Protein backbone atom coordinates (compact mmCIF):
# COMPACT_ATOMS: atom_id res chain seq x y z
CA MET A 1 0.00 0.00 0.00
CA ARG A 2 1.40 3.37 -1.00
CA SER A 3 1.16 6.28 1.51
CA ALA A 4 1.94 9.04 -0.97
CA PRO A 5 1.94 9.30 -4.74
CA VAL A 6 5.24 8.58 -6.44
CA ARG A 7 7.18 11.83 -6.71
CA LEU A 8 9.12 12.81 -9.81
CA TYR A 9 12.50 14.38 -9.08
CA THR A 10 14.67 16.59 -11.23
CA LEU A 11 18.22 15.37 -11.71
CA ALA A 12 19.51 17.98 -9.26
CA GLU A 13 16.89 17.05 -6.65
CA ALA A 14 17.65 13.36 -7.04
CA ASN A 15 21.38 13.93 -6.72
CA ALA A 16 20.82 16.00 -3.57
CA CYS A 17 18.93 13.07 -2.01
CA VAL A 18 21.64 10.49 -2.68
CA PRO A 19 23.71 10.93 0.54
CA ASP A 20 20.64 10.55 2.76
CA LEU A 21 19.36 7.61 0.74
CA GLU A 22 22.75 5.90 1.03
CA ARG A 23 22.74 6.48 4.80
CA ARG A 24 19.27 5.01 5.17
CA HIS A 25 20.09 2.10 2.85
CA THR A 26 23.12 1.26 5.00
CA ALA A 27 20.93 1.36 8.12
CA ILE A 28 18.35 -0.92 6.49
CA GLN A 29 21.07 -3.38 5.48
CA GLY A 30 22.24 -3.53 9.10
CA HIS A 31 18.73 -4.29 10.33
CA VAL A 32 18.22 -6.93 7.63
CA ARG A 33 21.53 -8.58 8.50
CA LYS A 34 20.58 -8.70 12.20
CA ALA A 35 17.09 -9.98 11.35
CA ARG A 36 18.50 -12.83 9.28
CA GLY A 37 20.79 -13.89 12.11
CA LEU A 38 17.94 -13.74 14.61
CA ALA A 39 15.64 -15.67 12.26
CA ASP A 40 18.30 -18.38 12.05
CA GLN A 41 18.44 -18.56 15.86
CA VAL A 42 14.64 -18.78 16.08
CA ALA A 43 14.57 -21.53 13.45
CA ASP A 44 17.33 -23.47 15.22
CA LEU A 45 15.43 -23.39 18.50
CA GLU A 46 12.24 -24.44 16.73
CA ILE A 47 14.10 -27.39 15.21
CA VAL A 48 15.55 -28.44 18.56
CA TRP A 49 12.48 -27.95 20.75
CA GLY A 50 9.54 -28.05 18.34
CA SER A 51 6.15 -27.51 19.95
CA LYS A 52 7.75 -27.79 23.40
CA LEU A 53 8.70 -24.12 23.01
CA LEU A 54 5.07 -23.31 23.80
CA ALA A 55 5.41 -24.82 27.28
CA ASP A 56 6.43 -22.47 30.10
CA ASP A 57 8.85 -25.06 31.48
CA CYS A 58 10.78 -25.52 28.22
CA PRO A 59 14.48 -24.77 28.86
CA GLY A 60 14.79 -22.98 25.52
CA ARG A 61 11.64 -20.88 25.84
CA ALA A 62 13.15 -17.72 27.38
CA GLU A 63 15.93 -17.62 24.81
CA TYR A 64 13.41 -18.24 22.02
CA LEU A 65 11.19 -15.40 23.20
CA ARG A 66 14.18 -13.03 23.40
CA TYR A 67 15.18 -13.88 19.84
CA ARG A 68 11.60 -13.48 18.60
CA GLU A 69 11.29 -10.10 20.30
CA ALA A 70 14.59 -8.91 18.86
CA LEU A 71 13.61 -10.19 15.42
CA SER A 72 10.32 -8.32 15.62
CA ALA A 73 12.18 -5.11 16.56
CA GLU A 74 14.50 -5.43 13.55
CA GLU A 75 11.56 -6.08 11.22
CA THR A 76 9.76 -3.05 12.66
CA ALA A 77 12.85 -0.90 12.07
CA VAL A 78 13.03 -1.97 8.41
CA ASP A 79 9.30 -1.36 7.98
CA GLY A 80 9.78 2.12 9.45
CA PHE A 81 12.44 3.00 6.92
CA LEU A 82 10.32 1.66 4.07
CA LYS A 83 7.35 3.69 5.29
CA GLU A 84 9.52 6.82 5.30
CA PHE A 85 10.42 6.17 1.68
CA ARG A 86 6.79 5.64 0.69
CA ASP A 87 5.71 8.77 2.59
CA GLU A 88 8.27 10.75 0.60
CA GLY A 89 6.88 9.38 -2.65
CA ILE A 90 9.87 7.12 -3.22
CA GLU A 91 8.99 3.81 -4.80
CA VAL A 92 11.00 0.96 -3.26
CA LYS A 93 11.73 -2.06 -5.43
CA ASP A 94 13.41 -5.34 -4.55
């Protein structure tokens, strides 16, 4: 869903935006890298413990919940950056 219409930039306007876009892109890459590592940890614990992770007495539960919470925070950070782009009329493509 797009928050703002796509904005058309002049060459000068686009060039002026490049440093900030590079900064935000670097930040997004950091969050994505962390999220992938956390997702791997979550998956590993799910493989080891399976449905036992749902039980309060599971030895891996606290660690699992910490990883899930951290993963959610990283995903939220990426979503925030992407929303900023959309709000500025910047179309993000994969």
